[in-house]
C-alpha atoms as a PDB file:
ATOM      1  CA  MET A   1    -121.534  93.977 -74.739  1.00  0.00           C
ATOM      2  CA  ALA A   2    -119.703  94.070 -78.050  1.00  0.00           C
ATOM      3  CA  VAL A   3    -120.183  91.489 -80.766  1.00  0.00           C
ATOM      4  CA  THR A   4    -117.517  88.782 -80.473  1.00  0.00           C
ATOM      5  CA  THR A   5    -116.526  85.758 -82.476  1.00  0.00           C
ATOM      6  CA  LEU A   6    -117.376  83.573 -79.450  1.00  0.00           C
ATOM      7  CA  VAL A   7    -121.076  83.969 -80.157  1.00  0.00           C
ATOM      8  CA  GLN A   8    -122.305  81.127 -82.331  1.00  0.00           C
ATOM      9  CA  ALA A   9    -123.805  81.874 -85.737  1.00  0.00           C
ATOM     10  CA  GLN A  10    -127.500  81.076 -86.022  1.00  0.00           C
ATOM     11  CA  LYS A  11    -129.486  79.105 -88.568  1.00  0.00           C
ATOM     12  CA  VAL A  12    -131.001  81.129 -91.411  1.00  0.00           C
ATOM     13  CA  ASP A  13    -134.115  79.936 -93.249  1.00  0.00           C
ATOM     14  CA  LEU A  14    -135.316  81.543 -96.478  1.00  0.00           C
ATOM     15  CA  ILE A  15    -138.928  80.721 -97.328  1.00  0.00           C
ATOM     16  CA  LYS A  16    -140.392  81.523-100.736  1.00  0.00           C
ATOM     17  CA  ASN A  17    -143.944  82.853-100.530  1.00  0.00           C
ATOM     18  CA  GLU A  18    -145.062  83.362-104.123  1.00  0.00           C
ATOM     19  CA  LYS A  19    -148.664  84.164-103.163  1.00  0.00           C
ATOM     20  CA  GLU A  20    -147.607  87.228-101.165  1.00  0.00           C
ATOM     21  CA  LYS A  21    -144.670  87.983-103.502  1.00  0.00           C
ATOM     22  CA  LYS A  22    -141.961  87.777-100.924  1.00  0.00           C
ATOM     23  CA  VAL A  23    -139.142  85.649 -99.583  1.00  0.00           C
ATOM     24  CA  GLU A  24    -139.312  85.451 -95.803  1.00  0.00           C
ATOM     25  CA  VAL A  25    -136.070  85.491 -93.824  1.00  0.00           C
ATOM     26  CA  ASN A  26    -136.046  83.754 -90.453  1.00  0.00           C
ATOM     27  CA  ILE A  27    -132.972  83.716 -88.209  1.00  0.00           C
ATOM     28  CA  ASP A  28    -132.808  81.356 -85.237  1.00  0.00           C
ATOM     29  CA  GLY A  29    -136.451  80.492 -85.976  1.00  0.00           C
ATOM     30  CA  LYS A  30    -137.635  84.112 -85.702  1.00  0.00           C
ATOM     31  CA  PRO A  31    -138.629  86.602 -88.431  1.00  0.00           C
ATOM     32  CA  PHE A  32    -135.972  89.109 -89.457  1.00  0.00           C
ATOM     33  CA  THR A  33    -137.255  90.576 -92.728  1.00  0.00           C
ATOM     34  CA  SER A  34    -138.692  89.697 -96.129  1.00  0.00           C
ATOM     35  CA  TYR A  35    -137.562  90.424 -99.658  1.00  0.00           C
ATOM     36  CA  TYR A  36    -140.811  91.994-100.879  1.00  0.00           C
ATOM     37  CA  TYR A  37    -141.581  92.429-104.583  1.00  0.00           C
ATOM     38  CA  PRO A  38    -145.294  93.284-104.881  1.00  0.00           C
ATOM     39  CA  GLY A  39    -145.060  94.838-108.345  1.00  0.00           C
ATOM     40  CA  GLU A  40    -145.095  98.409-109.611  1.00  0.00           C
ATOM     41  CA  ASP A  41    -148.792  98.922-108.865  1.00  0.00           C
ATOM     42  CA  VAL A  42    -147.789  98.883-105.170  1.00  0.00           C
ATOM     43  CA  LEU A  43    -144.095  99.843-105.118  1.00  0.00           C
ATOM     44  CA  LYS A  44    -141.730 100.992-107.854  1.00  0.00           C
ATOM     45  CA  LYS A  45    -138.960  98.725-106.555  1.00  0.00           C
ATOM     46  CA  ALA A  46    -138.423  95.622-104.449  1.00  0.00           C
ATOM     47  CA  VAL A  47    -137.491  96.200-100.798  1.00  0.00           C
ATOM     48  CA  LEU A  48    -136.581  94.455 -97.582  1.00  0.00           C
ATOM     49  CA  TYR A  49    -139.660  95.000 -95.421  1.00  0.00           C
ATOM     50  CA  PRO A  50    -140.356  94.988 -92.546  1.00  0.00           C
ATOM     51  CA  VAL A  51    -137.084  94.711 -90.637  1.00  0.00           C
ATOM     52  CA  MET A  52    -137.058  93.377 -87.067  1.00  0.00           C
ATOM     53  CA  THR A  53    -134.606  92.955 -84.226  1.00  0.00           C
ATOM     54  CA  ALA A  54    -133.832  89.546 -82.747  1.00  0.00           C
ATOM     55  CA  LYS A  55    -136.456  90.358 -80.095  1.00  0.00           C
ATOM     56  CA  GLY A  56    -139.143  90.961 -82.705  1.00  0.00           C
ATOM     57  CA  THR A  57    -139.259  94.771 -82.607  1.00  0.00           C
ATOM     58  CA  VAL A  58    -140.007  96.405 -85.952  1.00  0.00           C
ATOM     59  CA  VAL A  59    -137.384  99.058 -86.743  1.00  0.00           C
ATOM     60  CA  THR A  60    -138.745 100.218 -90.127  1.00  0.00           C
ATOM     61  CA  ARG A  61    -141.528 102.753 -90.655  1.00  0.00           C
ATOM     62  CA  GLY A  62    -144.916 101.198 -91.360  1.00  0.00           C
ATOM     63  CA  TRP A  63    -146.416 103.929 -93.584  1.00  0.00           C
ATOM     64  CA  PRO A  64    -147.506 103.743 -96.355  1.00  0.00           C
ATOM     65  CA  LEU A  65    -147.886  99.943 -96.413  1.00  0.00           C
ATOM     66  CA  ASN A  66    -148.867  99.370 -92.775  1.00  0.00           C
ATOM     67  CA  PRO A  67    -149.431 102.735 -91.052  1.00  0.00           C
ATOM     68  CA  ARG A  68    -148.910 103.062 -87.315  1.00  0.00           C
ATOM     69  CA  PRO A  69    -150.127 105.858 -85.027  1.00  0.00           C
ATOM     70  CA  GLY A  70    -147.801 108.840 -84.659  1.00  0.00           C
ATOM     71  CA  GLU A  71    -145.750 108.182 -87.803  1.00  0.00           C
ATOM     72  CA  ARG A  72    -144.809 110.849 -90.301  1.00  0.00           C
ATOM     73  CA  VAL A  73    -146.582 110.525 -93.631  1.00  0.00           C
ATOM     74  CA  ASP A  74    -143.953 112.109 -95.874  1.00  0.00           C
ATOM     75  CA  HIS A  75    -141.950 110.631 -98.746  1.00  0.00           C
ATOM     76  CA  PRO A  76    -144.138 107.632 -99.671  1.00  0.00           C
ATOM     77  CA  HIS A  77    -141.210 106.154-101.607  1.00  0.00           C
ATOM     78  CA  HIS A  78    -139.298 105.568 -98.336  1.00  0.00           C
ATOM     79  CA  VAL A  79    -140.172 101.924 -97.652  1.00  0.00           C
ATOM     80  CA  GLY A  80    -138.036  99.392 -95.778  1.00  0.00           C
ATOM     81  CA  ILE A  81    -134.480  98.983 -97.097  1.00  0.00           C
ATOM     82  CA  TRP A  82    -133.813  99.760-100.757  1.00  0.00           C
ATOM     83  CA  LEU A  83    -131.247 100.820-103.349  1.00  0.00           C
ATOM     84  CA  ASN A  84    -131.885 103.247-106.227  1.00  0.00           C
ATOM     85  CA  TYR A  85    -130.902 106.697-107.483  1.00  0.00           C
ATOM     86  CA  GLU A  86    -132.486 110.049-108.296  1.00  0.00           C
ATOM     87  CA  ASP A  87    -131.036 110.509-111.787  1.00  0.00           C
ATOM     88  CA  VAL A  88    -130.279 107.722-114.252  1.00  0.00           C
ATOM     89  CA  ASN A  89    -130.240 109.055-117.823  1.00  0.00           C
ATOM     90  CA  GLY A  90    -132.608 111.788-116.660  1.00  0.00           C
ATOM     91  CA  ASN A  91    -135.064 109.395-114.991  1.00  0.00           C
ATOM     92  CA  ASP A  92    -135.796 109.660-111.269  1.00  0.00           C
ATOM     93  CA  TYR A  93    -135.871 106.222-109.640  1.00  0.00           C
ATOM     94  CA  TRP A  94    -135.597 107.492-106.049  1.00  0.00           C
ATOM     95  CA  ASN A  95    -138.779 109.568-105.794  1.00  0.00           C
ATOM     96  CA  ASN A  96    -141.039 107.341-107.879  1.00  0.00           C
ATOM     97  CA  SER A  97    -144.288 106.242-106.223  1.00  0.00           C
ATOM     98  CA  ASN A  98    -147.988 106.124-106.978  1.00  0.00           C
ATOM     99  CA  SER A  99    -148.342 109.484-105.216  1.00  0.00           C
ATOM    100  CA  VAL A 100    -146.426 111.580-107.760  1.00  0.00           C
ATOM    101  CA  ASP A 101    -147.638 113.124-111.008  1.00  0.00           C
ATOM    102  CA  HIS A 102    -145.835 111.096-113.629  1.00  0.00           C
ATOM    103  CA  ALA A 103    -146.668 113.665-116.302  1.00  0.00           C
ATOM    104  CA  LYS A 104    -144.513 116.327-114.623  1.00  0.00           C
ATOM    105  CA  ARG A 105    -141.238 114.419-114.384  1.00  0.00           C
ATOM    106  CA  ALA A 106    -139.490 111.426-115.905  1.00  0.00           C
ATOM    107  CA  TYR A 107    -139.664 108.608-113.383  1.00  0.00           C
ATOM    108  CA  GLY A 108    -137.978 105.235-113.689  1.00  0.00           C
ATOM    109  CA  THR A 109    -139.162 101.938-112.246  1.00  0.00           C
ATOM    110  CA  ILE A 110    -137.130  99.004-110.964  1.00  0.00           C
ATOM    111  CA  VAL A 111    -138.972  95.839-111.968  1.00  0.00           C
ATOM    112  CA  HIS A 112    -138.260  92.575-110.146  1.00  0.00           C
ATOM    113  CA  THR A 113    -137.578  89.960-112.813  1.00  0.00           C
ATOM    114  CA  GLY A 114    -136.719  86.821-110.908  1.00  0.00           C
ATOM    115  CA  ILE A 115    -135.260  84.836-108.041  1.00  0.00           C
ATOM    116  CA  LYS A 116    -132.083  83.123-109.246  1.00  0.00           C
ATOM    117  CA  SER A 117    -131.318  81.175-106.092  1.00  0.00           C
ATOM    118  CA  ILE A 118    -132.370  80.677-102.484  1.00  0.00           C
ATOM    119  CA  LYS A 119    -129.962  79.058-100.038  1.00  0.00           C
ATOM    120  CA  SER A 120    -130.738  78.510 -96.370  1.00  0.00           C
ATOM    121  CA  GLY A 121    -127.941  77.491 -94.032  1.00  0.00           C
ATOM    122  CA  LYS A 122    -126.802  76.922 -90.467  1.00  0.00           C
ATOM    123  CA  ASN A 123    -124.501  79.976 -90.551  1.00  0.00           C
ATOM    124  CA  LYS A 124    -126.031  82.199 -93.217  1.00  0.00           C
ATOM    125  CA  GLY A 125    -128.683  82.432 -95.907  1.00  0.00           C
ATOM    126  CA  GLU A 126    -128.206  83.726 -99.426  1.00  0.00           C
ATOM    127  CA  LEU A 127    -130.762  85.128-101.849  1.00  0.00           C
ATOM    128  CA  THR A 128    -129.931  86.135-105.419  1.00  0.00           C
ATOM    129  CA  VAL A 129    -132.468  88.201-107.365  1.00  0.00           C
ATOM    130  CA  THR A 130    -132.626  90.117-110.633  1.00  0.00           C
ATOM    131  CA  ALA A 131    -134.314  93.348-111.711  1.00  0.00           C
ATOM    132  CA  ASP A 132    -134.611  95.680-114.696  1.00  0.00           C
ATOM    133  CA  TRP A 133    -134.275  99.460-114.415  1.00  0.00           C
ATOM    134  CA  ILE A 134    -136.888 100.754-116.852  1.00  0.00           C
ATOM    135  CA  ASP A 135    -137.171 104.404-117.911  1.00  0.00           C
ATOM    136  CA  LYS A 136    -140.390 106.398-118.368  1.00  0.00           C
ATOM    137  CA  ASP A 137    -140.712 105.211-121.976  1.00  0.00           C
ATOM    138  CA  GLY A 138    -140.359 101.550-121.058  1.00  0.00           C
ATOM    139  CA  LYS A 139    -136.748 101.296-122.236  1.00  0.00           C
ATOM    140  CA  LEU A 140    -134.428  98.947-120.352  1.00  0.00           C
ATOM    141  CA  THR A 141    -131.485 100.973-119.025  1.00  0.00           C
ATOM    142  CA  LEU A 142    -129.747  98.863-116.370  1.00  0.00           C
ATOM    143  CA  LYS A 143    -129.840  95.170-115.562  1.00  0.00           C
ATOM    144  CA  GLU A 144    -129.448  94.413-111.867  1.00  0.00           C
ATOM    145  CA  THR A 145    -128.257  91.308-110.058  1.00  0.00           C
ATOM    146  CA  THR A 146    -128.374  91.513-106.265  1.00  0.00           C
ATOM    147  CA  VAL A 147    -127.075  89.043-103.709  1.00  0.00           C
ATOM    148  CA  TYR A 148    -128.395  89.327-100.160  1.00  0.00           C
ATOM    149  CA  THR A 149    -126.486  87.482 -97.438  1.00  0.00           C
ATOM    150  CA  PHE A 150    -128.341  87.184 -94.124  1.00  0.00           C
ATOM    151  CA  SER A 151    -126.774  86.140 -90.811  1.00  0.00           C
ATOM    152  CA  GLY A 152    -127.200  86.397 -87.068  1.00  0.00           C
ATOM    153  CA  LYS A 153    -125.261  85.997 -83.834  1.00  0.00           C
ATOM    154  CA  GLY A 154    -126.826  86.452 -80.424  1.00  0.00           C
ATOM    155  CA  ASP A 155    -129.066  89.534 -80.543  1.00  0.00           C
ATOM    156  CA  THR A 156    -127.419  90.875 -83.704  1.00  0.00           C
ATOM    157  CA  ARG A 157    -128.788  90.514 -87.243  1.00  0.00           C
ATOM    158  CA  MET A 158    -126.941  91.368 -90.454  1.00  0.00           C
ATOM    159  CA  VAL A 159    -127.652  91.636 -94.137  1.00  0.00           C
ATOM    160  CA  ASP A 160    -124.993  92.234 -96.768  1.00  0.00           C
ATOM    161  CA  ARG A 161    -126.262  93.559-100.090  1.00  0.00           C
ATOM    162  CA  SER A 162    -124.138  93.295-103.232  1.00  0.00           C
ATOM    163  CA  THR A 163    -125.805  94.881-106.257  1.00  0.00           C
ATOM    164  CA  THR A 164    -124.249  94.745-109.716  1.00  0.00           C
ATOM    165  CA  LEU A 165    -125.646  97.167-112.293  1.00  0.00           C
ATOM    166  CA  THR A 166    -124.872  96.660-115.979  1.00  0.00           C
ATOM    167  CA  ALA A 167    -125.507  99.263-118.673  1.00  0.00           C
ATOM    168  CA  VAL A 168    -127.566  97.913-121.554  1.00  0.00           C
ATOM    169  CA  ASN A 169    -129.002  99.706-124.577  1.00  0.00           C
ATOM    170  CA  GLY A 170    -126.301 102.360-124.559  1.00  0.00           C
ATOM    171  CA  ASP A 171    -124.261 104.418-122.112  1.00  0.00           C
ATOM    172  CA  VAL A 172    -125.745 105.263-118.715  1.00  0.00           C
ATOM    173  CA  ALA A 173    -125.199 108.564-116.890  1.00  0.00           C
ATOM    174  CA  MET A 174    -125.778 108.863-113.151  1.00  0.00           C
ATOM    175  CA  PRO A 175    -124.937 112.531-112.548  1.00  0.00           C
ATOM    176  CA  ASP A 176    -124.077 113.967-109.164  1.00  0.00           C
ATOM    177  CA  ILE A 177    -127.319 114.461-107.200  1.00  0.00           C
ATOM    178  CA  LYS A 178    -128.434 114.351-103.563  1.00  0.00           C
ATOM    179  CA  ASP A 179    -131.020 111.588-103.295  1.00  0.00           C
ATOM    180  CA  GLY A 180    -129.538 108.098-103.285  1.00  0.00           C
ATOM    181  CA  MET A 181    -128.528 105.385-102.964  1.00  0.00           C
ATOM    182  CA  PHE A 182    -128.762 102.700-100.283  1.00  0.00           C
ATOM    183  CA  ALA A 183    -131.233 103.510 -97.540  1.00  0.00           C
ATOM    184  CA  ILE A 184    -133.548 102.509 -94.728  1.00  0.00           C
ATOM    185  CA  ARG A 185    -136.556 104.451 -93.412  1.00  0.00           C
ATOM    186  CA  VAL A 186    -136.797 103.850 -89.684  1.00  0.00           C
ATOM    187  CA  ALA A 187    -139.565 103.739 -87.095  1.00  0.00           C
ATOM    188  CA  ARG A 188    -140.647 106.991 -85.470  1.00  0.00           C
ATOM    189  CA  GLU A 189    -138.969 106.117 -82.148  1.00  0.00           C
ATOM    190  CA  LEU A 190    -135.564 106.006 -83.868  1.00  0.00           C
ATOM    191  CA  GLU A 191    -135.855 109.485 -85.385  1.00  0.00           C
ATOM    192  CA  LEU A 192    -133.918 112.338 -83.826  1.00  0.00           C
ATOM    193  CA  PRO A 193    -136.022 114.623 -81.606  1.00  0.00           C
ATOM    194  CA  SER A 194    -137.241 117.769 -83.392  1.00  0.00           C
ATOM    195  CA  ASN A 195    -139.101 120.753 -81.975  1.00  0.00           C
ATOM    196  CA  LYS A 196    -139.915 122.609 -85.165  1.00  0.00           C
ATOM    197  CA  PRO A 197    -142.474 122.227 -87.939  1.00  0.00           C
ATOM    198  CA  GLU A 198    -140.830 121.072 -91.139  1.00  0.00           C
ATOM    199  CA  ILE A 199    -141.565 121.037 -94.850  1.00  0.00           C
ATOM    200  CA  PHE A 200    -140.060 118.305 -96.976  1.00  0.00           C
ATOM    201  CA  THR A 201    -139.848 118.851-100.728  1.00  0.00           C
ATOM    202  CA  ASP A 202    -139.085 116.060-103.150  1.00  0.00           C
ATOM    203  CA  ALA A 203    -137.255 116.330-106.471  1.00  0.00           C
ATOM    204  CA  SER A 204    -140.411 117.278-108.371  1.00  0.00           C
ATOM    205  CA  GLY A 205    -141.132 120.202-106.057  1.00  0.00           C
ATOM    206  CA  ILE A 206    -143.977 118.551-104.153  1.00  0.00           C
ATOM    207  CA  ALA A 207    -143.935 119.865-100.591  1.00  0.00           C
ATOM    208  CA  THR A 208    -145.096 117.905 -97.574  1.00  0.00           C
ATOM    209  CA  LYS A 209    -145.813 119.968 -94.443  1.00  0.00           C
ATOM    210  CA  VAL A 210    -144.978 118.172 -91.202  1.00  0.00           C
ATOM    211  CA  PRO A 211    -146.163 119.959 -88.050  1.00  0.00           C
ATOM    212  CA  GLN A 212    -144.314 119.808 -84.768  1.00  0.00           C
ATOM    213  CA  LEU A 213    -144.526 116.242 -83.545  1.00  0.00           C
ATOM    214  CA  ASN A 214    -144.660 114.805 -80.047  1.00  0.00           C
ATOM    215  CA  ASN A 215    -141.085 113.905 -79.062  1.00  0.00           C
ATOM    216  CA  GLU A 216    -142.103 111.546 -76.278  1.00  0.00           C
ATOM    217  CA  GLY A 217    -140.210 108.301 -76.823  1.00  0.00           C
ATOM    218  CA  ILE A 218    -138.173 109.741 -79.718  1.00  0.00           C
ATOM    219  CA  THR A 219    -134.642 108.609 -78.941  1.00  0.00           C
ATOM    220  CA  GLY A 220    -132.517 108.412 -82.109  1.00  0.00           C
ATOM    221  CA  ASN A 221    -128.949 109.629 -82.499  1.00  0.00           C
ATOM    222  CA  TYR A 222    -126.392 109.108 -85.264  1.00  0.00           C
ATOM    223  CA  ARG A 223    -122.686 108.516 -84.753  1.00  0.00           C
ATOM    224  CA  ASN A 224    -120.196 107.878 -87.550  1.00  0.00           C
ATOM    225  CA  SER A 225    -116.792 106.192 -87.738  1.00  0.00           C
ATOM    226  CA  ASN A 226    -115.072 109.558 -87.185  1.00  0.00           C
ATOM    227  CA  GLY A 227    -116.923 110.244 -83.937  1.00  0.00           C
ATOM    228  CA  ILE A 228    -119.298 112.863 -85.382  1.00  0.00           C
ATOM    229  CA  GLU A 229    -122.808 112.683 -83.926  1.00  0.00           C
ATOM    230  CA  GLY A 230    -126.385 113.754 -84.581  1.00  0.00           C
ATOM    231  CA  GLU A 231    -127.513 115.524 -87.721  1.00  0.00           C
ATOM    232  CA  ALA A 232    -123.921 116.728 -88.183  1.00  0.00           C
ATOM    233  CA  THR A 233    -123.227 113.278 -89.690  1.00  0.00           C
ATOM    234  CA  TRP A 234    -125.136 114.452 -92.779  1.00  0.00           C
ATOM    235  CA  ALA A 235    -122.820 115.281 -95.705  1.00  0.00           C
ATOM    236  CA  LYS A 236    -119.777 113.821 -93.944  1.00  0.00           C
ATOM    237  CA  ARG A 237    -117.615 111.032 -95.315  1.00  0.00           C
ATOM    238  CA  ALA A 238    -117.328 107.958 -93.091  1.00  0.00           C
ATOM    239  CA  VAL A 239    -116.743 104.211 -93.280  1.00  0.00           C
ATOM    240  CA  TRP A 240    -119.867 103.550 -91.236  1.00  0.00           C
ATOM    241  CA  CYS A 241    -122.720 105.357 -89.556  1.00  0.00           C
ATOM    242  CA  ASN A 242    -124.666 104.021 -86.593  1.00  0.00           C
ATOM    243  CA  LEU A 243    -128.184 105.021 -85.548  1.00  0.00           C
ATOM    244  CA  THR A 244    -128.960 104.235 -81.917  1.00  0.00           C
ATOM    245  CA  GLY A 245    -132.193 104.592 -79.980  1.00  0.00           C
ATOM    246  CA  LYS A 246    -134.735 102.790 -77.894  1.00  0.00           C
ATOM    247  CA  ILE A 247    -138.144 101.299 -78.666  1.00  0.00           C
ATOM    248  CA  LYS A 248    -140.046 100.604 -75.455  1.00  0.00           C
ATOM    249  CA  ASN A 249    -137.388  99.026 -73.228  1.00  0.00           C
ATOM    250  CA  GLU A 250    -135.120  97.733 -75.993  1.00  0.00           C
ATOM    251  CA  ASP A 251    -131.829  99.424 -76.855  1.00  0.00           C
ATOM    252  CA  ILE A 252    -131.361  99.295 -80.640  1.00  0.00           C
ATOM    253  CA  SER A 253    -128.606  99.992 -83.142  1.00  0.00           C
ATOM    254  CA  ILE A 254    -128.959 100.155 -86.911  1.00  0.00           C
ATOM    255  CA  ALA A 255    -125.607 100.555 -88.608  1.00  0.00           C
ATOM    256  CA  ILE A 256    -124.746 100.797 -92.299  1.00  0.00           C
ATOM    257  CA  ILE A 257    -121.187  99.970 -93.374  1.00  0.00           C
ATOM    258  CA  ASP A 258    -119.543 101.046 -96.623  1.00  0.00           C
ATOM    259  CA  HIS A 259    -117.153  98.801 -98.597  1.00  0.00           C
ATOM    260  CA  PRO A 260    -113.682  99.807 -99.889  1.00  0.00           C
ATOM    261  CA  LYS A 261    -114.485  98.562-103.406  1.00  0.00           C
ATOM    262  CA  ASN A 262    -117.467 100.905-103.763  1.00  0.00           C
ATOM    263  CA  VAL A 263    -117.274 104.030-105.905  1.00  0.00           C
ATOM    264  CA  GLY A 264    -116.564 107.090-103.768  1.00  0.00           C
ATOM    265  CA  TYR A 265    -115.398 105.196-100.664  1.00  0.00           C
ATOM    266  CA  PRO A 266    -115.628 106.306 -97.927  1.00  0.00           C
ATOM    267  CA  SER A 267    -119.013 107.638 -98.895  1.00  0.00           C
ATOM    268  CA  TYR A 268    -120.976 110.719 -97.971  1.00  0.00           C
ATOM    269  CA  TRP A 269    -123.980 110.050 -95.713  1.00  0.00           C
ATOM    270  CA  HIS A 270    -127.527 111.254 -96.252  1.00  0.00           C
ATOM    271  CA  SER A 271    -128.510 110.796 -92.593  1.00  0.00           C
ATOM    272  CA  ARG A 272    -131.620 112.805 -91.835  1.00  0.00           C
ATOM    273  CA  GLY A 273    -133.149 113.371 -88.422  1.00  0.00           C
ATOM    274  CA  TYR A 274    -136.671 112.560 -89.636  1.00  0.00           C
ATOM    275  CA  GLY A 275    -135.865 108.881 -90.182  1.00  0.00           C
ATOM    276  CA  LEU A 276    -134.237 108.634 -93.599  1.00  0.00           C
ATOM    277  CA  PHE A 277    -130.886 106.905 -93.106  1.00  0.00           C
ATOM    278  CA  ALA A 278    -128.999 106.669 -96.406  1.00  0.00           C
ATOM    279  CA  VAL A 279    -125.534 106.462 -97.902  1.00  0.00           C
ATOM    280  CA  ASN A 280    -124.926 108.121-101.272  1.00  0.00           C
ATOM    281  CA  PRO A 281    -121.545 107.555-102.950  1.00  0.00           C
ATOM    282  CA  LEU A 282    -122.528 109.373-106.140  1.00  0.00           C
ATOM    283  CA  GLY A 283    -123.859 112.679-104.724  1.00  0.00           C
ATOM    284  CA  GLN A 284    -120.579 114.355-103.906  1.00  0.00           C
ATOM    285  CA  LYS A 285    -121.383 117.840-105.198  1.00  0.00           C
ATOM    286  CA  ALA A 286    -124.496 118.144-103.053  1.00  0.00           C
ATOM    287  CA  PHE A 287    -122.665 117.035 -99.919  1.00  0.00           C
ATOM    288  CA  SER A 288    -119.370 118.883-100.414  1.00  0.00           C
ATOM    289  CA  GLY A 289    -120.901 122.254-101.242  1.00  0.00           C
ATOM    290  CA  GLY A 290    -119.637 121.985-104.797  1.00  0.00           C
ATOM    291  CA  LYS A 291    -116.011 121.269-103.869  1.00  0.00           C
ATOM    292  CA  GLU A 292    -116.175 117.763-105.301  1.00  0.00           C
ATOM    293  CA  VAL A 293    -118.137 116.492-108.291  1.00  0.00           C
ATOM    294  CA  LEU A 294    -118.662 112.895-109.390  1.00  0.00           C
ATOM    295  CA  ASN A 295    -120.758 112.512-112.516  1.00  0.00           C
ATOM    296  CA  PHE A 296    -120.655 108.732-112.633  1.00  0.00           C
ATOM    297  CA  LYS A 297    -121.078 106.974-115.985  1.00  0.00           C
ATOM    298  CA  LEU A 298    -121.174 103.447-117.345  1.00  0.00           C
ATOM    299  CA  LYS A 299    -120.414 102.754-120.965  1.00  0.00           C
ATOM    300  CA  ASN A 300    -122.639 100.288-122.776  1.00  0.00           C
ATOM    301  CA  GLY A 301    -121.877  96.823-121.425  1.00  0.00           C
ATOM    302  CA  GLU A 302    -119.955  98.060-118.378  1.00  0.00           C
ATOM    303  CA  SER A 303    -120.874  97.081-114.828  1.00  0.00           C
ATOM    304  CA  THR A 304    -120.355  98.433-111.341  1.00  0.00           C
ATOM    305  CA  THR A 305    -121.106  96.842-107.972  1.00  0.00           C
ATOM    306  CA  PHE A 306    -122.373  98.510-104.802  1.00  0.00           C
ATOM    307  CA  ARG A 307    -121.810  96.633-101.531  1.00  0.00           C
ATOM    308  CA  TYR A 308    -123.311  97.530 -98.153  1.00  0.00           C
ATOM    309  CA  ARG A 309    -123.723  95.845 -94.783  1.00  0.00           C
ATOM    310  CA  VAL A 310    -126.629  96.584 -92.439  1.00  0.00           C
ATOM    311  CA  VAL A 311    -126.347  95.612 -88.783  1.00  0.00           C
ATOM    312  CA  VAL A 312    -129.435  95.498 -86.549  1.00  0.00           C
ATOM    313  CA  ALA A 313    -128.634  94.878 -82.890  1.00  0.00           C
ATOM    314  CA  SER A 314    -130.589  94.815 -79.647  1.00  0.00           C
ATOM    315  CA  GLU A 315    -127.930  96.940 -77.964  1.00  0.00           C
ATOM    316  CA  HIS A 316    -126.082 100.186 -78.526  1.00  0.00           C
ATOM    317  CA  LEU A 317    -123.078  99.013 -80.511  1.00  0.00           C
ATOM    318  CA  LYS A 318    -119.735 100.567 -79.617  1.00  0.00           C
ATOM    319  CA  ASP A 319    -117.243 101.958 -82.127  1.00  0.00           C
ATOM    320  CA  GLU A 320    -114.893  99.023 -81.514  1.00  0.00           C
ATOM    321  CA  ALA A 321    -117.533  96.467 -82.462  1.00  0.00           C
ATOM    322  CA  LEU A 322    -118.457  98.394 -85.619  1.00  0.00           C
ATOM    323  CA  ASN A 323    -114.823  98.818 -86.623  1.00  0.00           C
ATOM    324  CA  THR A 324    -114.436  95.047 -86.336  1.00  0.00           C
ATOM    325  CA  LEU A 325    -117.554  94.434 -88.434  1.00  0.00           C
ATOM    326  CA  ALA A 326    -116.343  96.943 -91.015  1.00  0.00           C
ATOM    327  CA  ALA A 327    -112.918  95.298 -91.235  1.00  0.00           C
ATOM    328  CA  ASP A 328    -114.592  91.919 -91.663  1.00  0.00           C
ATOM    329  CA  PHE A 329    -116.905  93.291 -94.368  1.00  0.00           C
ATOM    330  CA  ALA A 330    -113.955  94.833 -96.204  1.00  0.00           C
ATOM    331  CA  LYS A 331    -112.543  91.323 -96.713  1.00  0.00           C
ATOM    332  CA  THR A 332    -115.622  90.208 -98.672  1.00  0.00           C
ATOM    333  CA  LYS A 333    -115.706  90.357-102.459  1.00  0.00           C
END
């Protein structure tokens, strides 16, 4: 059944947990996710983790924070839901983790600097946080302000992320590159079935060999706003992309929606079968085979805002429902 306006919005409670360095998000009295900022000794960025359906099913990968049997153990920087980029003034924020050799490449770190406001509400909850993008030498490059808006209706959960990045300490270059920008790493069951061994290589040339995995219970499939499905959604422009699958007996959709005010709209999608589900508005050369190039830059003092909506539903959402959600999202600032 499609999402309709007849379904009543649910109460959202945001609970600050300083001891565990997170803000817990409960919708209709049940956990949805947490804004998790453990510090750079654990993660090189803050994330939303874990993410759950209205029925309590975890849809994000557990490894490396909370490993579960049968998961892939590649790309340790893929945790929960996050936003960063592979090249900012020559520093790689995307691939940074405690597993890489920091002497071989310039890695940047996104440091959580504060919680500006927490607002619970009967229809939505709003969390505003700040962060500093720090390069390998400790220089502040970008200041970030992010507003998360959480809501729920029926068996559907949503989070809107609006992230404003401001160049400080000089101009900032974010050249055209593949790995970025807004992403979720999903549970094994929501990956697309694969029958071949694979090797994944990150930006620093570190290869991870992944043998053929058991496809039992692996049910994922992508579909975008233009009707393209499967791994063919990779490197295609679209307003939204929807990942459907099943965990145990629960039908699940995870959709990401782009916003008309974003750079590069409608964006290219970095939708991989192995569970990385990302949208990258700045990596046009990599996705167009060199036909388009966007070497994005901010002059000192300039800002840009990236806006994305994530929908997590305990059903397989139809195109009509997603088109309605996208039209609604397009009306937001």
